[in-house]
Amino acid sequence: MIVGVGIDVVDVGRFVATLARVPRLRDRLFAPDEAELPDQSLAARFAAKEAVAKALGAPGGLRWHDCTVTRVPGGPPRLLLTGTVAARAAELGVTGWHLSLSHDAGIAAALVVAERSATGSQ
């Protein structure tokens, strides 16, 4: 059963310009493992964080570092949720996530689907 869907797009050039203008923003938005990635990957991860918030109903108080995007070489991107984001997901009964990232022609995009297992159905 789908709990929520979130989508977000980011203009990579504008995003990079903002990071350059506000140097501390990179550390506020990204975990250390994420912060050193190429600009397009950072923009896609920011879009993913926004999409997760939308899938969870965009409640206030979610912390950026409580949602990170991880990747195993050769595997799909995965969400790692902790703290405020994990708590909201648990509150909604989310048991699984689907994440798709893309970047092309100066745009980064993310689509997130939050789901919970349907009990008693086959």
PDB file of N, CA and C in Angstrom:
ATOM      1  N   MET A   1       0.848  -1.181   0.000  1.00  0.00           N
ATOM      2  CA  MET A   1       0.000   0.000   0.000  1.00  0.00           C
ATOM      3  C   MET A   1       0.896   1.248   0.000  1.00  0.00           C
ATOM      4  N   ILE A   2       0.600   2.158  -0.872  1.00  0.00           N
ATOM      5  CA  ILE A   2       1.386   3.389  -0.959  1.00  0.00           C
ATOM      6  C   ILE A   2       0.960   4.361   0.131  1.00  0.00           C
ATOM      7  N   VAL A   3       1.939   4.834   0.883  1.00  0.00           N
ATOM      8  CA  VAL A   3       1.713   5.818   1.939  1.00  0.00           C
ATOM      9  C   VAL A   3       1.868   7.229   1.385  1.00  0.00           C
ATOM     10  N   GLY A   4       2.844   7.406   0.515  1.00  0.00           N
ATOM     11  CA  GLY A   4       3.079   8.727  -0.053  1.00  0.00           C
ATOM     12  C   GLY A   4       4.045   8.670  -1.218  1.00  0.00           C
ATOM     13  N   VAL A   5       3.953   9.681  -2.062  1.00  0.00           N
ATOM     14  CA  VAL A   5       4.832   9.831  -3.212  1.00  0.00           C
ATOM     15  C   VAL A   5       5.399  11.240  -3.168  1.00  0.00           C
ATOM     16  N   GLY A   6       6.682  11.349  -3.461  1.00  0.00           N
ATOM     17  CA  GLY A   6       7.310  12.665  -3.526  1.00  0.00           C
ATOM     18  C   GLY A   6       8.177  12.770  -4.757  1.00  0.00           C
ATOM     19  N   ILE A   7       8.197  13.943  -5.357  1.00  0.00           N
ATOM     20  CA  ILE A   7       9.053  14.188  -6.502  1.00  0.00           C
ATOM     21  C   ILE A   7       9.641  15.583  -6.341  1.00  0.00           C
ATOM     22  N   ASP A   8      10.886  15.746  -6.799  1.00  0.00           N
ATOM     23  CA  ASP A   8      11.510  17.059  -6.743  1.00  0.00           C
ATOM     24  C   ASP A   8      12.518  17.180  -7.871  1.00  0.00           C
ATOM     25  N   VAL A   9      12.674  18.377  -8.389  1.00  0.00           N
ATOM     26  CA  VAL A   9      13.677  18.661  -9.412  1.00  0.00           C
ATOM     27  C   VAL A   9      14.517  19.837  -8.943  1.00  0.00           C
ATOM     28  N   VAL A  10      15.791  19.823  -9.323  1.00  0.00           N
ATOM     29  CA  VAL A  10      16.730  20.849  -8.906  1.00  0.00           C
ATOM     30  C   VAL A  10      17.511  21.328 -10.127  1.00  0.00           C
ATOM     31  N   ASP A  11      17.586  22.633 -10.302  1.00  0.00           N
ATOM     32  CA  ASP A  11      18.453  23.220 -11.318  1.00  0.00           C
ATOM     33  C   ASP A  11      19.882  23.135 -10.786  1.00  0.00           C
ATOM     34  N   VAL A  12      20.713  22.312 -11.398  1.00  0.00           N
ATOM     35  CA  VAL A  12      22.049  22.034 -10.872  1.00  0.00           C
ATOM     36  C   VAL A  12      22.883  23.310 -10.788  1.00  0.00           C
ATOM     37  N   GLY A  13      22.879  24.132 -11.819  1.00  0.00           N
ATOM     38  CA  GLY A  13      23.665  25.366 -11.814  1.00  0.00           C
ATOM     39  C   GLY A  13      23.265  26.300 -10.690  1.00  0.00           C
ATOM     40  N   ARG A  14      21.992  26.483 -10.501  1.00  0.00           N
ATOM     41  CA  ARG A  14      21.515  27.364  -9.426  1.00  0.00           C
ATOM     42  C   ARG A  14      21.855  26.774  -8.061  1.00  0.00           C
ATOM     43  N   PHE A  15      21.732  25.460  -7.936  1.00  0.00           N
ATOM     44  CA  PHE A  15      22.054  24.794  -6.682  1.00  0.00           C
ATOM     45  C   PHE A  15      23.536  24.968  -6.332  1.00  0.00           C
ATOM     46  N   VAL A  16      24.410  24.759  -7.313  1.00  0.00           N
ATOM     47  CA  VAL A  16      25.849  24.901  -7.102  1.00  0.00           C
ATOM     48  C   VAL A  16      26.199  26.350  -6.755  1.00  0.00           C
ATOM     49  N   ALA A  17      25.552  27.299  -7.413  1.00  0.00           N
ATOM     50  CA  ALA A  17      25.796  28.718  -7.114  1.00  0.00           C
ATOM     51  C   ALA A  17      25.387  29.041  -5.682  1.00  0.00           C
ATOM     52  N   THR A  18      24.296  28.460  -5.219  1.00  0.00           N
ATOM     53  CA  THR A  18      23.856  28.677  -3.842  1.00  0.00           C
ATOM     54  C   THR A  18      24.852  28.087  -2.854  1.00  0.00           C
ATOM     55  N   LEU A  19      25.354  26.886  -3.143  1.00  0.00           N
ATOM     56  CA  LEU A  19      26.363  26.283  -2.267  1.00  0.00           C
ATOM     57  C   LEU A  19      27.632  27.137  -2.214  1.00  0.00           C
ATOM     58  N   ALA A  20      28.006  27.744  -3.329  1.00  0.00           N
ATOM     59  CA  ALA A  20      29.193  28.606  -3.355  1.00  0.00           C
ATOM     60  C   ALA A  20      28.960  29.891  -2.580  1.00  0.00           C
ATOM     61  N   ARG A  21      27.757  30.415  -2.665  1.00  0.00           N
ATOM     62  CA  ARG A  21      27.406  31.665  -1.989  1.00  0.00           C
ATOM     63  C   ARG A  21      27.263  31.477  -0.472  1.00  0.00           C
ATOM     64  N   VAL A  22      26.816  30.297  -0.072  1.00  0.00           N
ATOM     65  CA  VAL A  22      26.586  29.994   1.348  1.00  0.00           C
ATOM     66  C   VAL A  22      27.378  28.723   1.687  1.00  0.00           C
ATOM     67  N   PRO A  23      28.687  28.844   1.919  1.00  0.00           N
ATOM     68  CA  PRO A  23      29.549  27.668   2.100  1.00  0.00           C
ATOM     69  C   PRO A  23      29.099  26.702   3.196  1.00  0.00           C
ATOM     70  N   ARG A  24      28.510  27.196   4.262  1.00  0.00           N
ATOM     71  CA  ARG A  24      28.083  26.305   5.356  1.00  0.00           C
ATOM     72  C   ARG A  24      26.873  25.459   4.997  1.00  0.00           C
ATOM     73  N   LEU A  25      26.186  25.836   3.925  1.00  0.00           N
ATOM     74  CA  LEU A  25      24.989  25.107   3.528  1.00  0.00           C
ATOM     75  C   LEU A  25      25.293  23.645   3.183  1.00  0.00           C
ATOM     76  N   ARG A  26      26.415  23.390   2.563  1.00  0.00           N
ATOM     77  CA  ARG A  26      26.797  22.018   2.208  1.00  0.00           C
ATOM     78  C   ARG A  26      26.811  21.125   3.459  1.00  0.00           C
ATOM     79  N   ASP A  27      27.411  21.624   4.547  1.00  0.00           N
ATOM     80  CA  ASP A  27      27.475  20.834   5.786  1.00  0.00           C
ATOM     81  C   ASP A  27      26.117  20.712   6.455  1.00  0.00           C
ATOM     82  N   ARG A  28      25.251  21.708   6.289  1.00  0.00           N
ATOM     83  CA  ARG A  28      23.907  21.645   6.884  1.00  0.00           C
ATOM     84  C   ARG A  28      23.018  20.639   6.161  1.00  0.00           C
ATOM     85  N   LEU A  29      23.210  20.509   4.854  1.00  0.00           N
ATOM     86  CA  LEU A  29      22.330  19.656   4.058  1.00  0.00           C
ATOM     87  C   LEU A  29      22.789  18.207   3.947  1.00  0.00           C
ATOM     88  N   PHE A  30      24.104  17.991   3.967  1.00  0.00           N
ATOM     89  CA  PHE A  30      24.630  16.682   3.609  1.00  0.00           C
ATOM     90  C   PHE A  30      25.495  16.073   4.696  1.00  0.00           C
ATOM     91  N   ALA A  31      25.375  14.764   4.838  1.00  0.00           N
ATOM     92  CA  ALA A  31      26.260  14.003   5.718  1.00  0.00           C
ATOM     93  C   ALA A  31      27.660  14.026   5.106  1.00  0.00           C
ATOM     94  N   PRO A  32      28.697  13.809   5.913  1.00  0.00           N
ATOM     95  CA  PRO A  32      30.072  13.853   5.392  1.00  0.00           C
ATOM     96  C   PRO A  32      30.301  12.963   4.170  1.00  0.00           C
ATOM     97  N   ASP A  33      29.736  11.770   4.126  1.00  0.00           N
ATOM     98  CA  ASP A  33      29.912  10.880   2.978  1.00  0.00           C
ATOM     99  C   ASP A  33      29.275  11.442   1.709  1.00  0.00           C
ATOM    100  N   GLU A  34      28.218  12.220   1.869  1.00  0.00           N
ATOM    101  CA  GLU A  34      27.542  12.808   0.718  1.00  0.00           C
ATOM    102  C   GLU A  34      28.238  14.081   0.237  1.00  0.00           C
ATOM    103  N   ALA A  35      28.750  14.865   1.155  1.00  0.00           N
ATOM    104  CA  ALA A  35      29.210  16.222   0.871  1.00  0.00           C
ATOM    105  C   ALA A  35      30.325  16.304  -0.158  1.00  0.00           C
ATOM    106  N   GLU A  36      31.084  15.245  -0.343  1.00  0.00           N
ATOM    107  CA  GLU A  36      32.220  15.274  -1.270  1.00  0.00           C
ATOM    108  C   GLU A  36      31.880  14.787  -2.674  1.00  0.00           C
ATOM    109  N   LEU A  37      30.623  14.500  -2.922  1.00  0.00           N
ATOM    110  CA  LEU A  37      30.218  13.989  -4.235  1.00  0.00           C
ATOM    111  C   LEU A  37      30.210  15.093  -5.288  1.00  0.00           C
ATOM    112  N   PRO A  38      30.230  14.723  -6.565  1.00  0.00           N
ATOM    113  CA  PRO A  38      30.145  15.720  -7.639  1.00  0.00           C
ATOM    114  C   PRO A  38      28.842  16.528  -7.559  1.00  0.00           C
ATOM    115  N   ASP A  39      28.880  17.708  -8.154  1.00  0.00           N
ATOM    116  CA  ASP A  39      27.742  18.632  -8.071  1.00  0.00           C
ATOM    117  C   ASP A  39      26.420  18.018  -8.500  1.00  0.00           C
ATOM    118  N   GLN A  40      26.398  17.300  -9.625  1.00  0.00           N
ATOM    119  CA  GLN A  40      25.148  16.698 -10.096  1.00  0.00           C
ATOM    120  C   GLN A  40      24.606  15.679  -9.098  1.00  0.00           C
ATOM    121  N   SER A  41      25.487  14.910  -8.491  1.00  0.00           N
ATOM    122  CA  SER A  41      25.059  13.918  -7.499  1.00  0.00           C
ATOM    123  C   SER A  41      24.529  14.595  -6.248  1.00  0.00           C
ATOM    124  N   LEU A  42      25.170  15.690  -5.838  1.00  0.00           N
ATOM    125  CA  LEU A  42      24.669  16.442  -4.678  1.00  0.00           C
ATOM    126  C   LEU A  42      23.277  16.991  -4.950  1.00  0.00           C
ATOM    127  N   ALA A  43      23.088  17.558  -6.136  1.00  0.00           N
ATOM    128  CA  ALA A  43      21.778  18.108  -6.483  1.00  0.00           C
ATOM    129  C   ALA A  43      20.713  17.015  -6.489  1.00  0.00           C
ATOM    130  N   ALA A  44      21.051  15.828  -7.005  1.00  0.00           N
ATOM    131  CA  ALA A  44      20.098  14.716  -7.018  1.00  0.00           C
ATOM    132  C   ALA A  44      19.777  14.260  -5.600  1.00  0.00           C
ATOM    133  N   ARG A  45      20.764  14.251  -4.734  1.00  0.00           N
ATOM    134  CA  ARG A  45      20.533  13.856  -3.341  1.00  0.00           C
ATOM    135  C   ARG A  45      19.694  14.890  -2.600  1.00  0.00           C
ATOM    136  N   PHE A  46      19.904  16.151  -2.896  1.00  0.00           N
ATOM    137  CA  PHE A  46      19.047  17.180  -2.311  1.00  0.00           C
ATOM    138  C   PHE A  46      17.606  16.982  -2.785  1.00  0.00           C
ATOM    139  N   ALA A  47      17.425  16.709  -4.075  1.00  0.00           N
ATOM    140  CA  ALA A  47      16.086  16.439  -4.596  1.00  0.00           C
ATOM    141  C   ALA A  47      15.464  15.233  -3.886  1.00  0.00           C
ATOM    142  N   ALA A  48      16.274  14.207  -3.611  1.00  0.00           N
ATOM    143  CA  ALA A  48      15.765  13.020  -2.916  1.00  0.00           C
ATOM    144  C   ALA A  48      15.295  13.366  -1.509  1.00  0.00           C
ATOM    145  N   LYS A  49      16.048  14.185  -0.804  1.00  0.00           N
ATOM    146  CA  LYS A  49      15.666  14.581   0.555  1.00  0.00           C
ATOM    147  C   LYS A  49      14.342  15.351   0.530  1.00  0.00           C
ATOM    148  N   GLU A  50      14.199  16.239  -0.455  1.00  0.00           N
ATOM    149  CA  GLU A  50      12.943  16.979  -0.607  1.00  0.00           C
ATOM    150  C   GLU A  50      11.791  16.037  -0.954  1.00  0.00           C
ATOM    151  N   ALA A  51      12.049  15.072  -1.833  1.00  0.00           N
ATOM    152  CA  ALA A  51      11.007  14.125  -2.222  1.00  0.00           C
ATOM    153  C   ALA A  51      10.583  13.247  -1.050  1.00  0.00           C
ATOM    154  N   VAL A  52      11.533  12.853  -0.209  1.00  0.00           N
ATOM    155  CA  VAL A  52      11.194  12.073   0.987  1.00  0.00           C
ATOM    156  C   VAL A  52      10.274  12.884   1.895  1.00  0.00           C
ATOM    157  N   ALA A  53      10.621  14.141   2.113  1.00  0.00           N
ATOM    158  CA  ALA A  53       9.777  14.999   2.957  1.00  0.00           C
ATOM    159  C   ALA A  53       8.358  15.089   2.393  1.00  0.00           C
ATOM    160  N   LYS A  54       8.242  15.230   1.088  1.00  0.00           N
ATOM    161  CA  LYS A  54       6.917  15.301   0.457  1.00  0.00           C
ATOM    162  C   LYS A  54       6.159  13.987   0.621  1.00  0.00           C
ATOM    163  N   ALA A  55       6.851  12.859   0.458  1.00  0.00           N
ATOM    164  CA  ALA A  55       6.206  11.559   0.616  1.00  0.00           C
ATOM    165  C   ALA A  55       5.702  11.349   2.041  1.00  0.00           C
ATOM    166  N   LEU A  56       6.365  12.018   2.998  1.00  0.00           N
ATOM    167  CA  LEU A  56       5.962  11.907   4.406  1.00  0.00           C
ATOM    168  C   LEU A  56       4.965  12.989   4.813  1.00  0.00           C
ATOM    169  N   GLY A  57       4.460  13.746   3.853  1.00  0.00           N
ATOM    170  CA  GLY A  57       3.471  14.774   4.155  1.00  0.00           C
ATOM    171  C   GLY A  57       4.073  16.121   4.486  1.00  0.00           C
ATOM    172  N   ALA A  58       5.365  16.281   4.269  1.00  0.00           N
ATOM    173  CA  ALA A  58       6.092  17.544   4.490  1.00  0.00           C
ATOM    174  C   ALA A  58       5.866  18.143   5.881  1.00  0.00           C
ATOM    175  N   PRO A  59       6.031  17.327   6.926  1.00  0.00           N
ATOM    176  CA  PRO A  59       5.880  17.886   8.276  1.00  0.00           C
ATOM    177  C   PRO A  59       7.095  18.756   8.622  1.00  0.00           C
ATOM    178  N   GLY A  60       6.894  19.702   9.493  1.00  0.00           N
ATOM    179  CA  GLY A  60       8.009  20.514   9.964  1.00  0.00           C
ATOM    180  C   GLY A  60       8.901  19.706  10.887  1.00  0.00           C
ATOM    181  N   GLY A  61      10.117  20.189  11.077  1.00  0.00           N
ATOM    182  CA  GLY A  61      11.010  19.581  12.056  1.00  0.00           C
ATOM    183  C   GLY A  61      11.877  18.448  11.559  1.00  0.00           C
ATOM    184  N   LEU A  62      11.792  18.106  10.270  1.00  0.00           N
ATOM    185  CA  LEU A  62      12.672  17.061   9.757  1.00  0.00           C
ATOM    186  C   LEU A  62      14.074  17.634   9.596  1.00  0.00           C
ATOM    187  N   ARG A  63      15.077  16.858   9.979  1.00  0.00           N
ATOM    188  CA  ARG A  63      16.472  17.304   9.859  1.00  0.00           C
ATOM    189  C   ARG A  63      17.105  16.712   8.607  1.00  0.00           C
ATOM    190  N   TRP A  64      17.845  17.545   7.882  1.00  0.00           N
ATOM    191  CA  TRP A  64      18.473  17.138   6.629  1.00  0.00           C
ATOM    192  C   TRP A  64      19.378  15.921   6.800  1.00  0.00           C
ATOM    193  N   HIS A  65      20.142  15.878   7.884  1.00  0.00           N
ATOM    194  CA  HIS A  65      21.094  14.781   8.092  1.00  0.00           C
ATOM    195  C   HIS A  65      20.402  13.474   8.472  1.00  0.00           C
ATOM    196  N   ASP A  66      19.107  13.535   8.753  1.00  0.00           N
ATOM    197  CA  ASP A  66      18.365  12.325   9.107  1.00  0.00           C
ATOM    198  C   ASP A  66      17.863  11.559   7.883  1.00  0.00           C
ATOM    199  N   CYS A  67      18.222  12.037   6.708  1.00  0.00           N
ATOM    200  CA  CYS A  67      17.910  11.351   5.458  1.00  0.00           C
ATOM    201  C   CYS A  67      19.150  11.420   4.581  1.00  0.00           C
ATOM    202  N   THR A  68      19.742  10.287   4.318  1.00  0.00           N
ATOM    203  CA  THR A  68      20.902  10.253   3.435  1.00  0.00           C
ATOM    204  C   THR A  68      20.654   9.235   2.322  1.00  0.00           C
ATOM    205  N   VAL A  69      21.327   9.472   1.214  1.00  0.00           N
ATOM    206  CA  VAL A  69      21.243   8.564   0.079  1.00  0.00           C
ATOM    207  C   VAL A  69      22.560   7.820  -0.002  1.00  0.00           C
ATOM    208  N   THR A  70      22.480   6.512   0.025  1.00  0.00           N
ATOM    209  CA  THR A  70      23.677   5.683  -0.063  1.00  0.00           C
ATOM    210  C   THR A  70      23.645   4.906  -1.373  1.00  0.00           C
ATOM    211  N   ARG A  71      24.796   4.427  -1.743  1.00  0.00           N
ATOM    212  CA  ARG A  71      24.868   3.637  -2.969  1.00  0.00           C
ATOM    213  C   ARG A  71      25.990   2.625  -2.864  1.00  0.00           C
ATOM    214  N   VAL A  72      25.687   1.411  -3.219  1.00  0.00           N
ATOM    215  CA  VAL A  72      26.689   0.360  -3.319  1.00  0.00           C
ATOM    216  C   VAL A  72      27.093   0.315  -4.794  1.00  0.00           C
ATOM    217  N   PRO A  73      28.383   0.282  -5.096  1.00  0.00           N
ATOM    218  CA  PRO A  73      28.787   0.233  -6.500  1.00  0.00           C
ATOM    219  C   PRO A  73      28.044  -0.859  -7.266  1.00  0.00           C
ATOM    220  N   GLY A  74      27.450  -0.462  -8.368  1.00  0.00           N
ATOM    221  CA  GLY A  74      26.697  -1.402  -9.188  1.00  0.00           C
ATOM    222  C   GLY A  74      25.266  -1.613  -8.733  1.00  0.00           C
ATOM    223  N   GLY A  75      24.887  -1.010  -7.604  1.00  0.00           N
ATOM    224  CA  GLY A  75      23.532  -1.177  -7.082  1.00  0.00           C
ATOM    225  C   GLY A  75      22.736   0.111  -7.154  1.00  0.00           C
ATOM    226  N   PRO A  76      21.462   0.018  -6.875  1.00  0.00           N
ATOM    227  CA  PRO A  76      20.615   1.215  -6.908  1.00  0.00           C
ATOM    228  C   PRO A  76      20.851   2.100  -5.687  1.00  0.00           C
ATOM    229  N   PRO A  77      20.481   3.367  -5.773  1.00  0.00           N
ATOM    230  CA  PRO A  77      20.575   4.227  -4.595  1.00  0.00           C
ATOM    231  C   PRO A  77      19.561   3.769  -3.549  1.00  0.00           C
ATOM    232  N   ARG A  78      19.917   3.973  -2.293  1.00  0.00           N
ATOM    233  CA  ARG A  78      19.034   3.582  -1.180  1.00  0.00           C
ATOM    234  C   ARG A  78      18.947   4.725  -0.194  1.00  0.00           C
ATOM    235  N   LEU A  79      17.844   4.764   0.526  1.00  0.00           N
ATOM    236  CA  LEU A  79      17.648   5.765   1.566  1.00  0.00           C
ATOM    237  C   LEU A  79      18.054   5.193   2.911  1.00  0.00           C
ATOM    238  N   LEU A  80      18.768   5.979   3.676  1.00  0.00           N
ATOM    239  CA  LEU A  80      19.100   5.641   5.056  1.00  0.00           C
ATOM    240  C   LEU A  80      18.447   6.711   5.919  1.00  0.00           C
ATOM    241  N   LEU A  81      17.451   6.307   6.691  1.00  0.00           N
ATOM    242  CA  LEU A  81      16.687   7.246   7.508  1.00  0.00           C
ATOM    243  C   LEU A  81      16.989   7.034   8.980  1.00  0.00           C
ATOM    244  N   THR A  82      17.186   8.122   9.684  1.00  0.00           N
ATOM    245  CA  THR A  82      17.431   8.097  11.120  1.00  0.00           C
ATOM    246  C   THR A  82      16.625   9.223  11.763  1.00  0.00           C
ATOM    247  N   GLY A  83      16.691   9.315  13.066  1.00  0.00           N
ATOM    248  CA  GLY A  83      16.148  10.444  13.814  1.00  0.00           C
ATOM    249  C   GLY A  83      14.751  10.869  13.413  1.00  0.00           C
ATOM    250  N   THR A  84      14.606  12.159  13.097  1.00  0.00           N
ATOM    251  CA  THR A  84      13.292  12.761  12.843  1.00  0.00           C
ATOM    252  C   THR A  84      12.591  12.146  11.636  1.00  0.00           C
ATOM    253  N   VAL A  85      13.354  11.827  10.602  1.00  0.00           N
ATOM    254  CA  VAL A  85      12.748  11.276   9.393  1.00  0.00           C
ATOM    255  C   VAL A  85      12.294   9.838   9.640  1.00  0.00           C
ATOM    256  N   ALA A  86      13.112   9.047  10.295  1.00  0.00           N
ATOM    257  CA  ALA A  86      12.723   7.672  10.630  1.00  0.00           C
ATOM    258  C   ALA A  86      11.506   7.659  11.552  1.00  0.00           C
ATOM    259  N   ALA A  87      11.449   8.598  12.483  1.00  0.00           N
ATOM    260  CA  ALA A  87      10.308   8.662  13.409  1.00  0.00           C
ATOM    261  C   ALA A  87       9.011   8.967  12.665  1.00  0.00           C
ATOM    262  N   ARG A  88       9.059   9.906  11.722  1.00  0.00           N
ATOM    263  CA  ARG A  88       7.862  10.243  10.948  1.00  0.00           C
ATOM    264  C   ARG A  88       7.443   9.058  10.081  1.00  0.00           C
ATOM    265  N   ALA A  89       8.410   8.397   9.473  1.00  0.00           N
ATOM    266  CA  ALA A  89       8.093   7.227   8.653  1.00  0.00           C
ATOM    267  C   ALA A  89       7.436   6.137   9.495  1.00  0.00           C
ATOM    268  N   ALA A  90       7.965   5.906  10.694  1.00  0.00           N
ATOM    269  CA  ALA A  90       7.387   4.904  11.590  1.00  0.00           C
ATOM    270  C   ALA A  90       5.971   5.288  11.996  1.00  0.00           C
ATOM    271  N   GLU A  91       5.766   6.569  12.255  1.00  0.00           N
ATOM    272  CA  GLU A  91       4.440   7.072  12.629  1.00  0.00           C
ATOM    273  C   GLU A  91       3.410   6.772  11.536  1.00  0.00           C
ATOM    274  N   LEU A  92       3.841   6.839  10.279  1.00  0.00           N
ATOM    275  CA  LEU A  92       2.949   6.574   9.149  1.00  0.00           C
ATOM    276  C   LEU A  92       2.915   5.097   8.765  1.00  0.00           C
ATOM    277  N   GLY A  93       3.739   4.273   9.425  1.00  0.00           N
ATOM    278  CA  GLY A  93       3.761   2.847   9.140  1.00  0.00           C
ATOM    279  C   GLY A  93       4.552   2.469   7.899  1.00  0.00           C
ATOM    280  N   VAL A  94       5.468   3.327   7.464  1.00  0.00           N
ATOM    281  CA  VAL A  94       6.258   3.042   6.268  1.00  0.00           C
ATOM    282  C   VAL A  94       7.191   1.861   6.541  1.00  0.00           C
ATOM    283  N   THR A  95       7.135   0.873   5.655  1.00  0.00           N
ATOM    284  CA  THR A  95       7.990  -0.304   5.795  1.00  0.00           C
ATOM    285  C   THR A  95       8.949  -0.470   4.622  1.00  0.00           C
ATOM    286  N   GLY A  96       8.783   0.322   3.581  1.00  0.00           N
ATOM    287  CA  GLY A  96       9.659   0.207   2.416  1.00  0.00           C
ATOM    288  C   GLY A  96       9.690   1.485   1.615  1.00  0.00           C
ATOM    289  N   TRP A  97      10.785   1.646   0.872  1.00  0.00           N
ATOM    290  CA  TRP A  97      11.008   2.844   0.059  1.00  0.00           C
ATOM    291  C   TRP A  97      11.455   2.449  -1.330  1.00  0.00           C
ATOM    292  N   HIS A  98      11.062   3.255  -2.303  1.00  0.00           N
ATOM    293  CA  HIS A  98      11.556   3.141  -3.664  1.00  0.00           C
ATOM    294  C   HIS A  98      12.105   4.514  -4.029  1.00  0.00           C
ATOM    295  N   LEU A  99      13.308   4.539  -4.616  1.00  0.00           N
ATOM    296  CA  LEU A  99      13.975   5.788  -4.943  1.00  0.00           C
ATOM    297  C   LEU A  99      14.550   5.706  -6.349  1.00  0.00           C
ATOM    298  N   SER A 100      14.293   6.737  -7.128  1.00  0.00           N
ATOM    299  CA  SER A 100      14.900   6.858  -8.445  1.00  0.00           C
ATOM    300  C   SER A 100      15.511   8.245  -8.567  1.00  0.00           C
ATOM    301  N   LEU A 101      16.777   8.300  -8.988  1.00  0.00           N
ATOM    302  CA  LEU A 101      17.498   9.561  -9.175  1.00  0.00           C
ATOM    303  C   LEU A 101      17.903   9.688 -10.639  1.00  0.00           C
ATOM    304  N   SER A 102      17.932  10.926 -11.118  1.00  0.00           N
ATOM    305  CA  SER A 102      18.400  11.172 -12.475  1.00  0.00           C
ATOM    306  C   SER A 102      18.974  12.576 -12.554  1.00  0.00           C
ATOM    307  N   HIS A 103      19.948  12.762 -13.446  1.00  0.00           N
ATOM    308  CA  HIS A 103      20.417  14.114 -13.738  1.00  0.00           C
ATOM    309  C   HIS A 103      20.871  14.165 -15.186  1.00  0.00           C
ATOM    310  N   ASP A 104      20.391  15.212 -15.871  1.00  0.00           N
ATOM    311  CA  ASP A 104      20.714  15.400 -17.275  1.00  0.00           C
ATOM    312  C   ASP A 104      20.361  16.827 -17.661  1.00  0.00           C
ATOM    313  N   ALA A 105      21.124  17.387 -18.566  1.00  0.00           N
ATOM    314  CA  ALA A 105      20.850  18.718 -19.123  1.00  0.00           C
ATOM    315  C   ALA A 105      20.687  19.781 -18.042  1.00  0.00           C
ATOM    316  N   GLY A 106      21.487  19.665 -16.976  1.00  0.00           N
ATOM    317  CA  GLY A 106      21.461  20.679 -15.929  1.00  0.00           C
ATOM    318  C   GLY A 106      20.340  20.551 -14.922  1.00  0.00           C
ATOM    319  N   ILE A 107      19.598  19.466 -14.973  1.00  0.00           N
ATOM    320  CA  ILE A 107      18.496  19.236 -14.031  1.00  0.00           C
ATOM    321  C   ILE A 107      18.735  17.919 -13.307  1.00  0.00           C
ATOM    322  N   ALA A 108      18.549  17.930 -11.992  1.00  0.00           N
ATOM    323  CA  ALA A 108      18.587  16.705 -11.192  1.00  0.00           C
ATOM    324  C   ALA A 108      17.170  16.445 -10.691  1.00  0.00           C
ATOM    325  N   ALA A 109      16.777  15.188 -10.667  1.00  0.00           N
ATOM    326  CA  ALA A 109      15.423  14.834 -10.250  1.00  0.00           C
ATOM    327  C   ALA A 109      15.447  13.604  -9.357  1.00  0.00           C
ATOM    328  N   ALA A 110      14.447  13.538  -8.492  1.00  0.00           N
ATOM    329  CA  ALA A 110      14.279  12.375  -7.623  1.00  0.00           C
ATOM    330  C   ALA A 110      12.791  12.058  -7.494  1.00  0.00           C
ATOM    331  N   LEU A 111      12.491  10.782  -7.498  1.00  0.00           N
ATOM    332  CA  LEU A 111      11.144  10.287  -7.259  1.00  0.00           C
ATOM    333  C   LEU A 111      11.230   9.291  -6.112  1.00  0.00           C
ATOM    334  N   VAL A 112      10.355   9.448  -5.134  1.00  0.00           N
ATOM    335  CA  VAL A 112      10.340   8.586  -3.954  1.00  0.00           C
ATOM    336  C   VAL A 112       8.925   8.061  -3.733  1.00  0.00           C
ATOM    337  N   VAL A 113       8.826   6.775  -3.446  1.00  0.00           N
ATOM    338  CA  VAL A 113       7.553   6.170  -3.062  1.00  0.00           C
ATOM    339  C   VAL A 113       7.754   5.518  -1.705  1.00  0.00           C
ATOM    340  N   ALA A 114       6.892   5.870  -0.759  1.00  0.00           N
ATOM    341  CA  ALA A 114       6.898   5.263   0.572  1.00  0.00           C
ATOM    342  C   ALA A 114       5.721   4.285   0.621  1.00  0.00           C
ATOM    343  N   GLU A 115       5.989   3.091   1.140  1.00  0.00           N
ATOM    344  CA  GLU A 115       4.924   2.095   1.190  1.00  0.00           C
ATOM    345  C   GLU A 115       4.909   1.387   2.540  1.00  0.00           C
ATOM    346  N   ARG A 116       3.805   0.747   2.804  1.00  0.00           N
ATOM    347  CA  ARG A 116       3.721  -0.132   3.963  1.00  0.00           C
ATOM    348  C   ARG A 116       3.085  -1.430   3.513  1.00  0.00           C
ATOM    349  N   SER A 117       3.475  -2.478   4.182  1.00  0.00           N
ATOM    350  CA  SER A 117       2.959  -3.798   3.847  1.00  0.00           C
ATOM    351  C   SER A 117       1.472  -3.846   4.156  1.00  0.00           C
ATOM    352  N   ALA A 118       0.741  -4.449   3.254  1.00  0.00           N
ATOM    353  CA  ALA A 118      -0.683  -4.654   3.491  1.00  0.00           C
ATOM    354  C   ALA A 118      -0.827  -5.905   4.349  1.00  0.00           C
ATOM    355  N   THR A 119      -1.416  -5.780   5.512  1.00  0.00           N
ATOM    356  CA  THR A 119      -1.563  -6.930   6.400  1.00  0.00           C
ATOM    357  C   THR A 119      -2.809  -7.719   6.012  1.00  0.00           C
ATOM    358  N   GLY A 120      -2.650  -9.027   6.031  1.00  0.00           N
ATOM    359  CA  GLY A 120      -3.775  -9.898   5.767  1.00  0.00           C
ATOM    360  C   GLY A 120      -4.121 -10.048   4.300  1.00  0.00           C
ATOM    361  N   SER A 121      -3.328  -9.472   3.389  1.00  0.00           N
ATOM    362  CA  SER A 121      -3.649  -9.630   1.970  1.00  0.00           C
ATOM    363  C   SER A 121      -2.558 -10.446   1.290  1.00  0.00           C
ATOM    364  N   GLN A 122      -2.904 -11.067   0.176  1.00  0.00           N
ATOM    365  CA  GLN A 122      -1.936 -11.903  -0.545  1.00  0.00           C
ATOM    366  C   GLN A 122      -1.631 -11.319  -1.885  1.00  0.00           C
TER     367      GLN A 122
END
